[in-house]
Amino acid sequence: MKNADSNTFNVIPLLEMDQVKLVHIYSAKLSQLTKKQRVVFDLLSNGMLVKDIAKHLGLAEITVKVVKARVMVILGVTTLQELAVVGKCSACQYIKSHL
């Protein structure tokens, strides 16, 4: 039986990592994103829905879903919670400003 908190289980290691380790891990991964992937990543990590991203960027929803899936693979995350942690952590804010 699946625990109700199982979605948050994977996020905890990201939250407990020190900033230096996060910078090391995610700077290389974030630099692999294309411009479109980067825009979708930023919008998703700020809580925007796929359908709203599609409308905002003038893309089909399926295109945004495909880009989102690819971003998640590149970053090695499995949930939107993990994606949001990567997008919101102060270390990643540092990374974003230095890419």
C-alpha atoms as a PDB file:
ATOM      1  CA  MET A   1       0.000   0.000   0.000  1.00  0.00           C
ATOM      2  CA  LYS A   2       1.333   3.395  -0.989  1.00  0.00           C
ATOM      3  CA  ASN A   3       2.009   5.920   1.745  1.00  0.00           C
ATOM      4  CA  ALA A   4       0.272   9.295   1.318  1.00  0.00           C
ATOM      5  CA  ASP A   5       3.586  11.040   1.964  1.00  0.00           C
ATOM      6  CA  SER A   6       5.534   9.009  -0.582  1.00  0.00           C
ATOM      7  CA  ASN A   7       5.605  11.952  -3.026  1.00  0.00           C
ATOM      8  CA  THR A   8       7.467  14.105  -0.513  1.00  0.00           C
ATOM      9  CA  PHE A   9       9.959  11.361   0.344  1.00  0.00           C
ATOM     10  CA  ASN A  10      12.120  12.061  -2.713  1.00  0.00           C
ATOM     11  CA  VAL A  11      12.220  15.799  -2.035  1.00  0.00           C
ATOM     12  CA  ILE A  12      13.795  15.503   1.403  1.00  0.00           C
ATOM     13  CA  PRO A  13      17.291  14.548   0.169  1.00  0.00           C
ATOM     14  CA  LEU A  14      17.291  17.629  -2.079  1.00  0.00           C
ATOM     15  CA  LEU A  15      16.334  19.849   0.841  1.00  0.00           C
ATOM     16  CA  GLU A  16      19.012  18.350   3.087  1.00  0.00           C
ATOM     17  CA  MET A  17      21.876  18.746   0.619  1.00  0.00           C
ATOM     18  CA  ASP A  18      24.205  21.635   1.250  1.00  0.00           C
ATOM     19  CA  GLN A  19      24.313  24.418  -1.312  1.00  0.00           C
ATOM     20  CA  VAL A  20      27.778  23.576  -2.592  1.00  0.00           C
ATOM     21  CA  LYS A  21      26.691  20.050  -3.451  1.00  0.00           C
ATOM     22  CA  LEU A  22      23.509  21.325  -5.138  1.00  0.00           C
ATOM     23  CA  VAL A  23      25.523  23.809  -7.199  1.00  0.00           C
ATOM     24  CA  HIS A  24      27.869  21.037  -8.274  1.00  0.00           C
ATOM     25  CA  ILE A  25      25.062  18.623  -9.201  1.00  0.00           C
ATOM     26  CA  TYR A  26      22.651  20.992 -10.903  1.00  0.00           C
ATOM     27  CA  SER A  27      24.952  23.463 -12.642  1.00  0.00           C
ATOM     28  CA  ALA A  28      25.970  20.811 -15.156  1.00  0.00           C
ATOM     29  CA  LYS A  29      22.413  19.556 -15.553  1.00  0.00           C
ATOM     30  CA  LEU A  30      20.853  23.008 -15.979  1.00  0.00           C
ATOM     31  CA  SER A  31      23.472  23.967 -18.548  1.00  0.00           C
ATOM     32  CA  GLN A  32      22.300  21.030 -20.703  1.00  0.00           C
ATOM     33  CA  LEU A  33      18.826  22.538 -21.120  1.00  0.00           C
ATOM     34  CA  THR A  34      17.953  24.216 -24.398  1.00  0.00           C
ATOM     35  CA  LYS A  35      16.466  27.705 -24.380  1.00  0.00           C
ATOM     36  CA  LYS A  36      12.909  26.349 -24.722  1.00  0.00           C
ATOM     37  CA  GLN A  37      13.518  23.743 -22.011  1.00  0.00           C
ATOM     38  CA  ARG A  38      14.917  26.451 -19.752  1.00  0.00           C
ATOM     39  CA  VAL A  39      11.849  28.666 -20.206  1.00  0.00           C
ATOM     40  CA  VAL A  40       9.492  25.753 -19.508  1.00  0.00           C
ATOM     41  CA  PHE A  41      11.579  24.755 -16.469  1.00  0.00           C
ATOM     42  CA  ASP A  42      11.422  28.290 -15.064  1.00  0.00           C
ATOM     43  CA  LEU A  43       7.664  28.539 -15.579  1.00  0.00           C
ATOM     44  CA  LEU A  44       6.995  25.073 -14.126  1.00  0.00           C
ATOM     45  CA  SER A  45       9.182  25.722 -11.098  1.00  0.00           C
ATOM     46  CA  ASN A  46       7.182  28.901 -10.468  1.00  0.00           C
ATOM     47  CA  GLY A  47       3.984  26.839 -10.330  1.00  0.00           C
ATOM     48  CA  MET A  48       2.532  27.533 -13.757  1.00  0.00           C
ATOM     49  CA  LEU A  49       0.300  24.830 -15.254  1.00  0.00           C
ATOM     50  CA  VAL A  50       1.145  23.120 -18.543  1.00  0.00           C
ATOM     51  CA  LYS A  51      -1.949  24.518 -20.269  1.00  0.00           C
ATOM     52  CA  ASP A  52      -1.066  28.041 -19.111  1.00  0.00           C
ATOM     53  CA  ILE A  53       2.537  27.650 -20.253  1.00  0.00           C
ATOM     54  CA  ALA A  54       1.315  26.487 -23.659  1.00  0.00           C
ATOM     55  CA  LYS A  55      -0.966  29.487 -23.965  1.00  0.00           C
ATOM     56  CA  HIS A  56       1.723  31.882 -22.726  1.00  0.00           C
ATOM     57  CA  LEU A  57       4.342  30.570 -25.176  1.00  0.00           C
ATOM     58  CA  GLY A  58       1.962  29.950 -28.071  1.00  0.00           C
ATOM     59  CA  LEU A  59       2.692  26.227 -28.138  1.00  0.00           C
ATOM     60  CA  ALA A  60       0.506  23.131 -28.169  1.00  0.00           C
ATOM     61  CA  GLU A  61      -0.031  21.530 -24.751  1.00  0.00           C
ATOM     62  CA  ILE A  62       1.484  18.282 -25.991  1.00  0.00           C
ATOM     63  CA  THR A  63       4.659  20.163 -26.946  1.00  0.00           C
ATOM     64  CA  VAL A  64       4.953  21.583 -23.444  1.00  0.00           C
ATOM     65  CA  LYS A  65       4.325  18.121 -21.950  1.00  0.00           C
ATOM     66  CA  VAL A  66       7.106  16.644 -24.092  1.00  0.00           C
ATOM     67  CA  VAL A  67       9.503  19.455 -23.139  1.00  0.00           C
ATOM     68  CA  LYS A  68       8.552  19.043 -19.455  1.00  0.00           C
ATOM     69  CA  ALA A  69       9.236  15.300 -19.624  1.00  0.00           C
ATOM     70  CA  ARG A  70      12.638  15.887 -21.225  1.00  0.00           C
ATOM     71  CA  VAL A  71      13.550  18.518 -18.613  1.00  0.00           C
ATOM     72  CA  MET A  72      12.653  16.089 -15.833  1.00  0.00           C
ATOM     73  CA  VAL A  73      14.846  13.399 -17.394  1.00  0.00           C
ATOM     74  CA  ILE A  74      17.784  15.772 -17.816  1.00  0.00           C
ATOM     75  CA  LEU A  75      17.514  17.012 -14.226  1.00  0.00           C
ATOM     76  CA  GLY A  76      16.949  13.516 -12.863  1.00  0.00           C
ATOM     77  CA  VAL A  77      13.734  14.377 -11.026  1.00  0.00           C
ATOM     78  CA  THR A  78      10.573  12.290 -10.988  1.00  0.00           C
ATOM     79  CA  THR A  79       7.978  14.675  -9.561  1.00  0.00           C
ATOM     80  CA  LEU A  80       7.004  18.302  -9.979  1.00  0.00           C
ATOM     81  CA  GLN A  81       7.804  18.754  -6.283  1.00  0.00           C
ATOM     82  CA  GLU A  82      11.417  17.845  -6.932  1.00  0.00           C
ATOM     83  CA  LEU A  83      11.458  20.133  -9.969  1.00  0.00           C
ATOM     84  CA  ALA A  84      10.149  22.979  -7.818  1.00  0.00           C
ATOM     85  CA  VAL A  85      12.839  22.344  -5.191  1.00  0.00           C
ATOM     86  CA  VAL A  86      15.527  22.523  -7.862  1.00  0.00           C
ATOM     87  CA  GLY A  87      13.985  25.717  -9.232  1.00  0.00           C
ATOM     88  CA  LYS A  88      13.516  27.393  -5.874  1.00  0.00           C
ATOM     89  CA  CYS A  89      16.605  26.452  -3.890  1.00  0.00           C
ATOM     90  CA  SER A  90      18.901  29.377  -3.297  1.00  0.00           C
ATOM     91  CA  ALA A  91      21.815  27.453  -4.759  1.00  0.00           C
ATOM     92  CA  CYS A  92      19.919  27.009  -8.002  1.00  0.00           C
ATOM     93  CA  GLN A  93      19.047  30.705  -8.033  1.00  0.00           C
ATOM     94  CA  TYR A  94      22.813  31.234  -7.884  1.00  0.00           C
ATOM     95  CA  ILE A  95      23.256  28.783 -10.749  1.00  0.00           C
ATOM     96  CA  LYS A  96      20.585  30.492 -12.883  1.00  0.00           C
ATOM     97  CA  SER A  97      22.352  33.822 -12.587  1.00  0.00           C
ATOM     98  CA  HIS A  98      25.663  32.285 -13.661  1.00  0.00           C
ATOM     99  CA  LEU A  99      24.587  30.243 -16.690  1.00  0.00           C
END
